[in-house]
Amino acid sequence: MIFWGALLGTIAYILLLVIVYLLLNNRQAQVNRRFKRMLAAAEAERVRKQPVEEKKNQEEEEEPEEHRSFWELSFRERVIDPMVRGFVQTIQLFTPHSIFNYLDGQIVRAGRQGQWNVSRLMAYWGMFVLGGALLAILVIRRTELYFIQEMTIVLVILVLSTLLALAWLRSVVRRRQQSIKRQLPDFMDLLCVSVQAGMSFDGAIGKIVLRMKGELVDEFRRMQNDMRLGMTRQIALTNLAKRCDMEELYLFTGSIIQSERLGTSIVKTVKNQADNIRERHRQFVRSEALKAPVKIIFPMLLFIFPAVFVVVMFPSLLALMKTFTK
């Protein structure tokens, strides 16, 4: 009875999440599906109209994969990867497309486009939630509680496991944004000095990218690669701001795009933005310094005050013990 109740609670919780995401992002999911269908139809039409000789040349150019027997594969290739792929396919059947769009956006903001996969990340997330459900079942099987209390424990552990996975992903994004925020004032100062010295905007960014390292430099390097592939500067700057998802970069890219449209001086625009970002960084540092006295209270209560009490009170306690023993 306990097992089936916990299982039904788990299924109800997952269905509730699916319904909420469907209600919130149904329209966006429909637009994305329609866009993908249009792309698939266009690709099918292009393949159909492709000459037969080109298809043969492409087949000849493709190198055959190295054939290995089952026992020559590693344990991960034989067991783990098929299990993960099957779990991903099962999750994709019941998960709205909006969740995958959200995870894709979080991966882009975390700067892990070539390292993480949305499907694999979704599979690990689902396994984490199922692990939380199994933990809840083990907990309630070892305790004697009422049915309502057991279902409450299951739902609380499911919610916590879901929120912990999302909190971990957001913490990765937040750490990257903080790294970009720390590097942005120095980057803008160098860009302002280079532009004022007579260099163009793209040339100044190219020189800075060659001499600096960091998350922000990687984003500007990717922006330059996009421009070399034929993307306009406005679209490249807009994509850079979306990938970083920071107010400072939105203001900077918006001012550069507006300056290019209106034909105003790029030197003056960059200088104003550098001063603005430096002032915002100064205010941020001041606000963090004001938070330090509040944050230091808990380490003092946990570590410093007990040591002080031991040093101060221990001799008095020894004297009292000697007095009472006499």
C-alpha atoms as a PDB file:
ATOM      1  CA  MET A   1       0.000   0.000   0.000  1.00  0.00           C
ATOM      2  CA  ILE A   2       2.800   2.389   0.884  1.00  0.00           C
ATOM      3  CA  PHE A   3       4.706   1.573  -2.292  1.00  0.00           C
ATOM      4  CA  TRP A   4       1.719   2.059  -4.592  1.00  0.00           C
ATOM      5  CA  GLY A   5       0.738   5.270  -2.823  1.00  0.00           C
ATOM      6  CA  ALA A   6       4.238   6.704  -3.235  1.00  0.00           C
ATOM      7  CA  LEU A   7       4.332   5.602  -6.876  1.00  0.00           C
ATOM      8  CA  LEU A   8       0.974   7.242  -7.593  1.00  0.00           C
ATOM      9  CA  GLY A   9       2.153  10.411  -5.856  1.00  0.00           C
ATOM     10  CA  THR A  10       5.306  10.472  -8.007  1.00  0.00           C
ATOM     11  CA  ILE A  11       3.307  10.043 -11.216  1.00  0.00           C
ATOM     12  CA  ALA A  12       0.841  12.743 -10.144  1.00  0.00           C
ATOM     13  CA  TYR A  13       3.688  15.141  -9.386  1.00  0.00           C
ATOM     14  CA  ILE A  14       5.322  14.591 -12.780  1.00  0.00           C
ATOM     15  CA  LEU A  15       1.987  15.039 -14.558  1.00  0.00           C
ATOM     16  CA  LEU A  16       1.414  18.262 -12.629  1.00  0.00           C
ATOM     17  CA  LEU A  17       4.778  19.618 -13.812  1.00  0.00           C
ATOM     18  CA  VAL A  18       3.964  18.685 -17.405  1.00  0.00           C
ATOM     19  CA  ILE A  19       0.545  20.368 -17.247  1.00  0.00           C
ATOM     20  CA  VAL A  20       2.006  23.562 -15.757  1.00  0.00           C
ATOM     21  CA  TYR A  21       4.662  23.854 -18.464  1.00  0.00           C
ATOM     22  CA  LEU A  22       2.104  23.109 -21.172  1.00  0.00           C
ATOM     23  CA  LEU A  23      -0.184  25.845 -19.923  1.00  0.00           C
ATOM     24  CA  LEU A  24       2.615  28.401 -19.621  1.00  0.00           C
ATOM     25  CA  ASN A  25       4.517  27.735 -22.831  1.00  0.00           C
ATOM     26  CA  ASN A  26       2.049  26.038 -25.159  1.00  0.00           C
ATOM     27  CA  ARG A  27       2.060  28.858 -27.702  1.00  0.00           C
ATOM     28  CA  GLN A  28       5.857  29.047 -27.877  1.00  0.00           C
ATOM     29  CA  ALA A  29       6.102  25.288 -28.255  1.00  0.00           C
ATOM     30  CA  GLN A  30       3.634  25.357 -31.156  1.00  0.00           C
ATOM     31  CA  VAL A  31       5.647  28.057 -32.911  1.00  0.00           C
ATOM     32  CA  ASN A  32       8.869  26.074 -32.458  1.00  0.00           C
ATOM     33  CA  ARG A  33       7.300  22.883 -33.750  1.00  0.00           C
ATOM     34  CA  ARG A  34       5.908  24.699 -36.776  1.00  0.00           C
ATOM     35  CA  PHE A  35       9.302  26.221 -37.485  1.00  0.00           C
ATOM     36  CA  LYS A  36      10.982  22.806 -37.248  1.00  0.00           C
ATOM     37  CA  ARG A  37       8.405  21.293 -39.588  1.00  0.00           C
ATOM     38  CA  MET A  38       9.120  24.052 -42.114  1.00  0.00           C
ATOM     39  CA  LEU A  39      12.864  23.406 -41.868  1.00  0.00           C
ATOM     40  CA  ALA A  40      12.340  19.658 -42.257  1.00  0.00           C
ATOM     41  CA  ALA A  41      10.113  20.189 -45.306  1.00  0.00           C
ATOM     42  CA  ALA A  42      12.673  22.521 -46.882  1.00  0.00           C
ATOM     43  CA  GLU A  43      15.476  20.028 -46.246  1.00  0.00           C
ATOM     44  CA  ALA A  44      13.422  17.190 -47.712  1.00  0.00           C
ATOM     45  CA  GLU A  45      12.680  19.280 -50.789  1.00  0.00           C
ATOM     46  CA  ARG A  46      16.362  20.132 -51.188  1.00  0.00           C
ATOM     47  CA  VAL A  47      17.358  16.470 -50.930  1.00  0.00           C
ATOM     48  CA  ARG A  48      14.691  15.482 -53.431  1.00  0.00           C
ATOM     49  CA  LYS A  49      15.903  18.010 -55.978  1.00  0.00           C
ATOM     50  CA  GLN A  50      19.574  17.167 -55.429  1.00  0.00           C
ATOM     51  CA  PRO A  51      21.143  15.470 -58.469  1.00  0.00           C
ATOM     52  CA  VAL A  52      21.887  11.770 -58.275  1.00  0.00           C
ATOM     53  CA  GLU A  53      25.591  12.263 -59.015  1.00  0.00           C
ATOM     54  CA  GLU A  54      26.033  14.574 -56.016  1.00  0.00           C
ATOM     55  CA  LYS A  55      24.390  11.993 -53.752  1.00  0.00           C
ATOM     56  CA  LYS A  56      26.803   9.330 -55.005  1.00  0.00           C
ATOM     57  CA  ASN A  57      29.789  11.615 -54.435  1.00  0.00           C
ATOM     58  CA  GLN A  58      28.629  12.340 -50.889  1.00  0.00           C
ATOM     59  CA  GLU A  59      28.241   8.628 -50.191  1.00  0.00           C
ATOM     60  CA  GLU A  60      31.740   7.973 -51.535  1.00  0.00           C
ATOM     61  CA  GLU A  61      33.225  10.768 -49.427  1.00  0.00           C
ATOM     62  CA  GLU A  62      31.739   9.366 -46.223  1.00  0.00           C
ATOM     63  CA  GLU A  63      34.274   7.152 -44.508  1.00  0.00           C
ATOM     64  CA  PRO A  64      33.012   3.851 -43.106  1.00  0.00           C
ATOM     65  CA  GLU A  65      32.992   3.650 -39.327  1.00  0.00           C
ATOM     66  CA  GLU A  66      35.410   1.309 -37.661  1.00  0.00           C
ATOM     67  CA  HIS A  67      33.594  -1.911 -36.811  1.00  0.00           C
ATOM     68  CA  ARG A  68      34.249  -3.288 -33.352  1.00  0.00           C
ATOM     69  CA  SER A  69      32.807  -6.327 -31.696  1.00  0.00           C
ATOM     70  CA  PHE A  70      30.547  -6.102 -28.668  1.00  0.00           C
ATOM     71  CA  TRP A  71      33.220  -7.207 -26.200  1.00  0.00           C
ATOM     72  CA  GLU A  72      35.773  -4.721 -27.567  1.00  0.00           C
ATOM     73  CA  LEU A  73      33.554  -1.834 -26.449  1.00  0.00           C
ATOM     74  CA  SER A  74      33.982  -0.261 -23.039  1.00  0.00           C
ATOM     75  CA  PHE A  75      31.495  -0.755 -20.209  1.00  0.00           C
ATOM     76  CA  ARG A  76      30.145   2.739 -20.762  1.00  0.00           C
ATOM     77  CA  GLU A  77      29.523   2.093 -24.477  1.00  0.00           C
ATOM     78  CA  ARG A  78      27.951  -1.303 -23.832  1.00  0.00           C
ATOM     79  CA  VAL A  79      25.728  -0.554 -20.820  1.00  0.00           C
ATOM     80  CA  ILE A  80      25.571   3.060 -19.655  1.00  0.00           C
ATOM     81  CA  ASP A  81      25.139   4.874 -22.995  1.00  0.00           C
ATOM     82  CA  PRO A  82      22.281   2.599 -24.241  1.00  0.00           C
ATOM     83  CA  MET A  83      20.492   2.998 -20.899  1.00  0.00           C
ATOM     84  CA  VAL A  84      20.830   6.788 -21.018  1.00  0.00           C
ATOM     85  CA  ARG A  85      19.629   6.931 -24.637  1.00  0.00           C
ATOM     86  CA  GLY A  86      16.606   4.774 -23.860  1.00  0.00           C
ATOM     87  CA  PHE A  87      15.762   6.873 -20.818  1.00  0.00           C
ATOM     88  CA  VAL A  88      16.108  10.068 -22.885  1.00  0.00           C
ATOM     89  CA  GLN A  89      13.764   8.753 -25.572  1.00  0.00           C
ATOM     90  CA  THR A  90      11.215   7.817 -22.921  1.00  0.00           C
ATOM     91  CA  ILE A  91      11.397  11.260 -21.313  1.00  0.00           C
ATOM     92  CA  GLN A  92      11.037  13.012 -24.684  1.00  0.00           C
ATOM     93  CA  LEU A  93       7.694  11.293 -25.238  1.00  0.00           C
ATOM     94  CA  PHE A  94       6.168  12.879 -22.112  1.00  0.00           C
ATOM     95  CA  THR A  95       8.099  16.146 -21.756  1.00  0.00           C
ATOM     96  CA  PRO A  96       6.940  19.424 -23.371  1.00  0.00           C
ATOM     97  CA  HIS A  97       9.321  21.039 -25.822  1.00  0.00           C
ATOM     98  CA  SER A  98       9.403  24.203 -23.716  1.00  0.00           C
ATOM     99  CA  ILE A  99      11.422  22.416 -21.009  1.00  0.00           C
ATOM    100  CA  PHE A 100      14.056  21.498 -23.566  1.00  0.00           C
ATOM    101  CA  ASN A 101      14.103  25.120 -24.759  1.00  0.00           C
ATOM    102  CA  TYR A 102      14.633  26.310 -21.198  1.00  0.00           C
ATOM    103  CA  LEU A 103      17.481  23.853 -20.608  1.00  0.00           C
ATOM    104  CA  ASP A 104      19.026  24.796 -23.948  1.00  0.00           C
ATOM    105  CA  GLY A 105      18.982  28.451 -22.908  1.00  0.00           C
ATOM    106  CA  GLN A 106      20.542  27.617 -19.550  1.00  0.00           C
ATOM    107  CA  ILE A 107      23.302  25.625 -21.248  1.00  0.00           C
ATOM    108  CA  VAL A 108      24.033  28.578 -23.544  1.00  0.00           C
ATOM    109  CA  ARG A 109      24.164  30.970 -20.564  1.00  0.00           C
ATOM    110  CA  ALA A 110      26.465  28.548 -18.757  1.00  0.00           C
ATOM    111  CA  GLY A 111      28.852  28.529 -21.736  1.00  0.00           C
ATOM    112  CA  ARG A 112      28.708  24.739 -22.188  1.00  0.00           C
ATOM    113  CA  GLN A 113      27.284  24.516 -25.718  1.00  0.00           C
ATOM    114  CA  GLY A 114      29.788  21.962 -26.991  1.00  0.00           C
ATOM    115  CA  GLN A 115      30.141  20.055 -23.726  1.00  0.00           C
ATOM    116  CA  TRP A 116      26.607  19.496 -22.440  1.00  0.00           C
ATOM    117  CA  ASN A 117      23.629  18.054 -24.282  1.00  0.00           C
ATOM    118  CA  VAL A 118      20.016  18.980 -23.542  1.00  0.00           C
ATOM    119  CA  SER A 119      18.751  15.426 -23.822  1.00  0.00           C
ATOM    120  CA  ARG A 120      21.475  13.993 -21.615  1.00  0.00           C
ATOM    121  CA  LEU A 121      21.019  16.768 -19.065  1.00  0.00           C
ATOM    122  CA  MET A 122      17.275  16.094 -19.051  1.00  0.00           C
ATOM    123  CA  ALA A 123      17.966  12.388 -18.521  1.00  0.00           C
ATOM    124  CA  TYR A 124      20.232  13.051 -15.553  1.00  0.00           C
ATOM    125  CA  TRP A 125      17.626  15.409 -14.135  1.00  0.00           C
ATOM    126  CA  GLY A 126      14.935  12.741 -14.445  1.00  0.00           C
ATOM    127  CA  MET A 127      17.213  10.137 -12.846  1.00  0.00           C
ATOM    128  CA  PHE A 128      17.859  12.521  -9.973  1.00  0.00           C
ATOM    129  CA  VAL A 129      14.121  12.982  -9.435  1.00  0.00           C
ATOM    130  CA  LEU A 130      13.519   9.232  -9.572  1.00  0.00           C
ATOM    131  CA  GLY A 131      16.349   8.758  -7.089  1.00  0.00           C
ATOM    132  CA  GLY A 132      14.580  11.185  -4.782  1.00  0.00           C
ATOM    133  CA  ALA A 133      11.364   9.183  -5.168  1.00  0.00           C
ATOM    134  CA  LEU A 134      13.149   5.933  -4.286  1.00  0.00           C
ATOM    135  CA  LEU A 135      14.727   7.618  -1.277  1.00  0.00           C
ATOM    136  CA  ALA A 136      11.310   8.790  -0.130  1.00  0.00           C
ATOM    137  CA  ILE A 137       9.925   5.255  -0.473  1.00  0.00           C
ATOM    138  CA  LEU A 138      12.796   3.835   1.574  1.00  0.00           C
ATOM    139  CA  VAL A 139      12.232   6.463   4.258  1.00  0.00           C
ATOM    140  CA  ILE A 140       8.524   5.831   4.636  1.00  0.00           C
ATOM    141  CA  ARG A 141       8.958   2.040   4.633  1.00  0.00           C
ATOM    142  CA  ARG A 142      11.166   2.297   7.720  1.00  0.00           C
ATOM    143  CA  THR A 143       8.747   4.526   9.643  1.00  0.00           C
ATOM    144  CA  GLU A 144       5.228   4.020  10.925  1.00  0.00           C
ATOM    145  CA  LEU A 145       3.248   7.050   9.809  1.00  0.00           C
ATOM    146  CA  TYR A 146      -0.218   7.808   8.520  1.00  0.00           C
ATOM    147  CA  PHE A 147      -0.914   7.705   4.801  1.00  0.00           C
ATOM    148  CA  ILE A 148      -1.222  11.508   4.516  1.00  0.00           C
ATOM    149  CA  GLN A 149       2.128  11.972   6.256  1.00  0.00           C
ATOM    150  CA  GLU A 150       3.791   9.445   3.952  1.00  0.00           C
ATOM    151  CA  MET A 151       2.433  11.136   0.810  1.00  0.00           C
ATOM    152  CA  THR A 152       3.563  14.509   2.165  1.00  0.00           C
ATOM    153  CA  ILE A 153       7.091  13.175   2.678  1.00  0.00           C
ATOM    154  CA  VAL A 154       7.146  11.788  -0.879  1.00  0.00           C
ATOM    155  CA  LEU A 155       5.956  15.048  -2.432  1.00  0.00           C
ATOM    156  CA  VAL A 156       8.384  17.145  -0.366  1.00  0.00           C
ATOM    157  CA  ILE A 157      11.365  14.999  -1.379  1.00  0.00           C
ATOM    158  CA  LEU A 158      10.273  15.096  -5.040  1.00  0.00           C
ATOM    159  CA  VAL A 159       9.964  18.879  -4.972  1.00  0.00           C
ATOM    160  CA  LEU A 160      13.343  19.237  -3.250  1.00  0.00           C
ATOM    161  CA  SER A 161      15.081  16.941  -5.746  1.00  0.00           C
ATOM    162  CA  THR A 162      13.589  18.884  -8.668  1.00  0.00           C
ATOM    163  CA  LEU A 163      14.508  22.250  -7.204  1.00  0.00           C
ATOM    164  CA  LEU A 164      18.036  21.112  -6.279  1.00  0.00           C
ATOM    165  CA  ALA A 165      18.747  20.094  -9.882  1.00  0.00           C
ATOM    166  CA  LEU A 166      17.493  23.453 -11.163  1.00  0.00           C
ATOM    167  CA  ALA A 167      19.387  25.314  -8.425  1.00  0.00           C
ATOM    168  CA  TRP A 168      22.630  23.586  -9.413  1.00  0.00           C
ATOM    169  CA  LEU A 169      22.174  24.592 -13.061  1.00  0.00           C
ATOM    170  CA  ARG A 170      21.360  28.164 -12.097  1.00  0.00           C
ATOM    171  CA  SER A 171      24.390  28.299  -9.805  1.00  0.00           C
ATOM    172  CA  VAL A 172      26.622  27.376 -12.758  1.00  0.00           C
ATOM    173  CA  VAL A 173      25.055  30.193 -14.801  1.00  0.00           C
ATOM    174  CA  ARG A 174      25.377  32.629 -11.893  1.00  0.00           C
ATOM    175  CA  ARG A 175      29.069  31.857 -11.377  1.00  0.00           C
ATOM    176  CA  ARG A 176      29.771  32.467 -15.050  1.00  0.00           C
ATOM    177  CA  GLN A 177      27.865  35.758 -14.993  1.00  0.00           C
ATOM    178  CA  GLN A 178      29.824  36.882 -11.939  1.00  0.00           C
ATOM    179  CA  SER A 179      33.077  36.040 -13.723  1.00  0.00           C
ATOM    180  CA  ILE A 180      31.962  38.085 -16.729  1.00  0.00           C
ATOM    181  CA  LYS A 181      30.910  40.973 -14.493  1.00  0.00           C
ATOM    182  CA  ARG A 182      34.328  41.071 -12.805  1.00  0.00           C
ATOM    183  CA  GLN A 183      36.153  41.116 -16.134  1.00  0.00           C
ATOM    184  CA  LEU A 184      33.867  43.571 -17.924  1.00  0.00           C
ATOM    185  CA  PRO A 185      35.255  46.878 -16.475  1.00  0.00           C
ATOM    186  CA  ASP A 186      38.860  46.034 -17.435  1.00  0.00           C
ATOM    187  CA  PHE A 187      37.754  44.896 -20.863  1.00  0.00           C
ATOM    188  CA  MET A 188      35.814  48.106 -21.427  1.00  0.00           C
ATOM    189  CA  ASP A 189      38.741  50.264 -20.262  1.00  0.00           C
ATOM    190  CA  LEU A 190      41.069  48.563 -22.737  1.00  0.00           C
ATOM    191  CA  LEU A 191      38.472  48.875 -25.485  1.00  0.00           C
ATOM    192  CA  CYS A 192      38.003  52.583 -24.734  1.00  0.00           C
ATOM    193  CA  VAL A 193      41.767  53.264 -24.780  1.00  0.00           C
ATOM    194  CA  SER A 194      42.227  51.328 -28.029  1.00  0.00           C
ATOM    195  CA  VAL A 195      39.366  53.123 -29.792  1.00  0.00           C
ATOM    196  CA  GLN A 196      40.568  56.520 -28.590  1.00  0.00           C
ATOM    197  CA  ALA A 197      44.057  55.682 -29.939  1.00  0.00           C
ATOM    198  CA  GLY A 198      42.607  55.440 -33.459  1.00  0.00           C
ATOM    199  CA  MET A 199      41.733  51.765 -33.875  1.00  0.00           C
ATOM    200  CA  SER A 200      38.422  50.598 -35.232  1.00  0.00           C
ATOM    201  CA  PHE A 201      35.895  48.842 -33.029  1.00  0.00           C
ATOM    202  CA  ASP A 202      36.481  45.406 -34.553  1.00  0.00           C
ATOM    203  CA  GLY A 203      40.254  45.883 -34.607  1.00  0.00           C
ATOM    204  CA  ALA A 204      40.307  46.889 -30.937  1.00  0.00           C
ATOM    205  CA  ILE A 205      38.262  43.841 -29.967  1.00  0.00           C
ATOM    206  CA  GLY A 206      40.584  41.623 -32.017  1.00  0.00           C
ATOM    207  CA  LYS A 207      43.671  42.950 -30.213  1.00  0.00           C
ATOM    208  CA  ILE A 208      42.073  42.548 -26.769  1.00  0.00           C
ATOM    209  CA  VAL A 209      40.895  39.018 -27.547  1.00  0.00           C
ATOM    210  CA  LEU A 210      44.433  37.990 -28.479  1.00  0.00           C
ATOM    211  CA  ARG A 211      45.879  39.281 -25.186  1.00  0.00           C
ATOM    212  CA  MET A 212      43.220  38.387 -22.622  1.00  0.00           C
ATOM    213  CA  LYS A 213      41.540  35.229 -21.349  1.00  0.00           C
ATOM    214  CA  GLY A 214      38.241  34.586 -19.641  1.00  0.00           C
ATOM    215  CA  GLU A 215      34.546  33.985 -20.156  1.00  0.00           C
ATOM    216  CA  LEU A 216      33.896  37.458 -21.564  1.00  0.00           C
ATOM    217  CA  VAL A 217      36.822  37.202 -23.978  1.00  0.00           C
ATOM    218  CA  ASP A 218      35.503  33.861 -25.230  1.00  0.00           C
ATOM    219  CA  GLU A 219      32.129  35.453 -25.960  1.00  0.00           C
ATOM    220  CA  PHE A 220      33.708  38.321 -27.940  1.00  0.00           C
ATOM    221  CA  ARG A 221      35.863  35.794 -29.789  1.00  0.00           C
ATOM    222  CA  ARG A 222      32.730  33.906 -30.746  1.00  0.00           C
ATOM    223  CA  MET A 223      31.158  37.195 -31.867  1.00  0.00           C
ATOM    224  CA  GLN A 224      34.119  37.812 -34.181  1.00  0.00           C
ATOM    225  CA  ASN A 225      33.851  34.300 -35.599  1.00  0.00           C
ATOM    226  CA  ASP A 226      30.164  34.883 -36.315  1.00  0.00           C
ATOM    227  CA  MET A 227      31.001  38.105 -38.145  1.00  0.00           C
ATOM    228  CA  ARG A 228      33.667  36.323 -40.212  1.00  0.00           C
ATOM    229  CA  LEU A 229      31.043  33.771 -41.267  1.00  0.00           C
ATOM    230  CA  GLY A 230      28.830  36.558 -42.667  1.00  0.00           C
ATOM    231  CA  MET A 231      26.709  37.645 -39.699  1.00  0.00           C
ATOM    232  CA  THR A 232      26.154  41.363 -39.322  1.00  0.00           C
ATOM    233  CA  ARG A 233      27.568  43.227 -36.340  1.00  0.00           C
ATOM    234  CA  GLN A 234      24.109  44.037 -34.960  1.00  0.00           C
ATOM    235  CA  ILE A 235      23.003  40.403 -34.918  1.00  0.00           C
ATOM    236  CA  ALA A 236      26.358  39.241 -33.506  1.00  0.00           C
ATOM    237  CA  LEU A 237      26.187  41.791 -30.670  1.00  0.00           C
ATOM    238  CA  THR A 238      22.559  40.883 -29.946  1.00  0.00           C
ATOM    239  CA  ASN A 239      23.439  37.181 -29.753  1.00  0.00           C
ATOM    240  CA  LEU A 240      26.358  37.984 -27.441  1.00  0.00           C
ATOM    241  CA  ALA A 241      24.068  39.832 -25.049  1.00  0.00           C
ATOM    242  CA  LYS A 242      21.527  37.000 -25.112  1.00  0.00           C
ATOM    243  CA  ARG A 243      24.183  34.377 -24.374  1.00  0.00           C
ATOM    244  CA  CYS A 244      25.482  36.316 -21.367  1.00  0.00           C
ATOM    245  CA  ASP A 245      22.037  37.575 -20.240  1.00  0.00           C
ATOM    246  CA  MET A 246      23.394  40.527 -18.232  1.00  0.00           C
ATOM    247  CA  GLU A 247      22.050  44.056 -17.944  1.00  0.00           C
ATOM    248  CA  GLU A 248      25.480  45.641 -18.493  1.00  0.00           C
ATOM    249  CA  LEU A 249      26.021  43.836 -21.789  1.00  0.00           C
ATOM    250  CA  TYR A 250      22.483  44.586 -22.935  1.00  0.00           C
ATOM    251  CA  LEU A 251      23.174  48.301 -22.376  1.00  0.00           C
ATOM    252  CA  PHE A 252      26.573  48.115 -24.077  1.00  0.00           C
ATOM    253  CA  THR A 253      25.417  46.222 -27.168  1.00  0.00           C
ATOM    254  CA  GLY A 254      22.288  48.364 -27.452  1.00  0.00           C
ATOM    255  CA  SER A 255      24.327  51.583 -27.388  1.00  0.00           C
ATOM    256  CA  ILE A 256      26.774  50.262 -30.011  1.00  0.00           C
ATOM    257  CA  ILE A 257      23.932  49.179 -32.304  1.00  0.00           C
ATOM    258  CA  GLN A 258      22.172  52.523 -31.877  1.00  0.00           C
ATOM    259  CA  SER A 259      25.413  54.416 -32.552  1.00  0.00           C
ATOM    260  CA  GLU A 260      25.944  52.443 -35.742  1.00  0.00           C
ATOM    261  CA  ARG A 261      22.386  53.087 -36.925  1.00  0.00           C
ATOM    262  CA  LEU A 262      22.445  56.811 -36.165  1.00  0.00           C
ATOM    263  CA  GLY A 263      26.002  57.361 -37.357  1.00  0.00           C
ATOM    264  CA  THR A 264      27.256  58.934 -34.121  1.00  0.00           C
ATOM    265  CA  SER A 265      30.828  58.749 -32.859  1.00  0.00           C
ATOM    266  CA  ILE A 266      31.771  55.252 -31.751  1.00  0.00           C
ATOM    267  CA  VAL A 267      34.591  56.678 -29.614  1.00  0.00           C
ATOM    268  CA  LYS A 268      32.233  58.775 -27.526  1.00  0.00           C
ATOM    269  CA  THR A 269      29.777  55.882 -27.183  1.00  0.00           C
ATOM    270  CA  VAL A 270      32.448  53.448 -26.004  1.00  0.00           C
ATOM    271  CA  LYS A 271      33.842  56.008 -23.547  1.00  0.00           C
ATOM    272  CA  ASN A 272      30.418  56.672 -22.044  1.00  0.00           C
ATOM    273  CA  GLN A 273      29.724  52.972 -21.719  1.00  0.00           C
ATOM    274  CA  ALA A 274      33.130  52.320 -20.128  1.00  0.00           C
ATOM    275  CA  ASP A 275      32.518  55.063 -17.547  1.00  0.00           C
ATOM    276  CA  ASN A 276      29.006  53.750 -16.885  1.00  0.00           C
ATOM    277  CA  ILE A 277      30.173  50.149 -16.419  1.00  0.00           C
ATOM    278  CA  ARG A 278      33.053  51.221 -14.189  1.00  0.00           C
ATOM    279  CA  GLU A 279      30.641  53.218 -12.012  1.00  0.00           C
ATOM    280  CA  ARG A 280      28.200  50.306 -11.828  1.00  0.00           C
ATOM    281  CA  HIS A 281      31.041  48.010 -10.830  1.00  0.00           C
ATOM    282  CA  ARG A 282      32.112  50.463  -8.125  1.00  0.00           C
ATOM    283  CA  GLN A 283      28.576  50.580  -6.732  1.00  0.00           C
ATOM    284  CA  PHE A 284      28.388  46.780  -6.805  1.00  0.00           C
ATOM    285  CA  VAL A 285      31.633  46.503  -4.823  1.00  0.00           C
ATOM    286  CA  ARG A 286      30.326  49.004  -2.263  1.00  0.00           C
ATOM    287  CA  SER A 287      27.088  47.066  -1.853  1.00  0.00           C
ATOM    288  CA  GLU A 288      29.013  43.816  -1.346  1.00  0.00           C
ATOM    289  CA  ALA A 289      31.232  45.526   1.239  1.00  0.00           C
ATOM    290  CA  LEU A 290      28.151  46.686   3.146  1.00  0.00           C
ATOM    291  CA  LYS A 291      26.851  43.105   3.210  1.00  0.00           C
ATOM    292  CA  ALA A 292      30.060  41.791   4.791  1.00  0.00           C
ATOM    293  CA  PRO A 293      29.165  42.623   8.447  1.00  0.00           C
ATOM    294  CA  VAL A 294      25.887  40.744   8.113  1.00  0.00           C
ATOM    295  CA  LYS A 295      27.493  37.717   6.439  1.00  0.00           C
ATOM    296  CA  ILE A 296      30.241  37.442   9.044  1.00  0.00           C
ATOM    297  CA  ILE A 297      27.766  37.014  11.934  1.00  0.00           C
ATOM    298  CA  PHE A 298      27.122  33.324  11.248  1.00  0.00           C
ATOM    299  CA  PRO A 299      30.819  32.282  11.060  1.00  0.00           C
ATOM    300  CA  MET A 300      31.420  34.208  14.278  1.00  0.00           C
ATOM    301  CA  LEU A 301      28.549  32.456  16.057  1.00  0.00           C
ATOM    302  CA  LEU A 302      29.631  29.031  14.839  1.00  0.00           C
ATOM    303  CA  PHE A 303      33.422  29.191  15.119  1.00  0.00           C
ATOM    304  CA  ILE A 304      34.790  32.318  16.815  1.00  0.00           C
ATOM    305  CA  PHE A 305      32.466  32.779  19.817  1.00  0.00           C
ATOM    306  CA  PRO A 306      32.731  29.126  21.016  1.00  0.00           C
ATOM    307  CA  ALA A 307      36.535  29.349  20.958  1.00  0.00           C
ATOM    308  CA  VAL A 308      36.452  32.639  22.888  1.00  0.00           C
ATOM    309  CA  PHE A 309      34.082  31.172  25.463  1.00  0.00           C
ATOM    310  CA  VAL A 310      36.361  28.168  25.949  1.00  0.00           C
ATOM    311  CA  VAL A 311      39.432  30.377  26.422  1.00  0.00           C
ATOM    312  CA  VAL A 312      37.650  32.736  28.814  1.00  0.00           C
ATOM    313  CA  MET A 313      35.476  30.321  30.781  1.00  0.00           C
ATOM    314  CA  PHE A 314      37.687  27.233  30.990  1.00  0.00           C
ATOM    315  CA  PRO A 315      40.060  28.570  33.720  1.00  0.00           C
ATOM    316  CA  SER A 316      37.078  29.709  35.804  1.00  0.00           C
ATOM    317  CA  LEU A 317      35.443  26.299  35.416  1.00  0.00           C
ATOM    318  CA  LEU A 318      38.666  24.594  36.560  1.00  0.00           C
ATOM    319  CA  ALA A 319      38.845  26.834  39.616  1.00  0.00           C
ATOM    320  CA  LEU A 320      35.191  26.101  40.473  1.00  0.00           C
ATOM    321  CA  MET A 321      35.745  22.362  40.080  1.00  0.00           C
ATOM    322  CA  LYS A 322      38.757  22.465  42.419  1.00  0.00           C
ATOM    323  CA  THR A 323      36.785  24.478  44.980  1.00  0.00           C
ATOM    324  CA  PHE A 324      33.817  22.060  44.981  1.00  0.00           C
ATOM    325  CA  THR A 325      36.050  19.007  45.142  1.00  0.00           C
ATOM    326  CA  LYS A 326      37.737  20.365  48.288  1.00  0.00           C
END
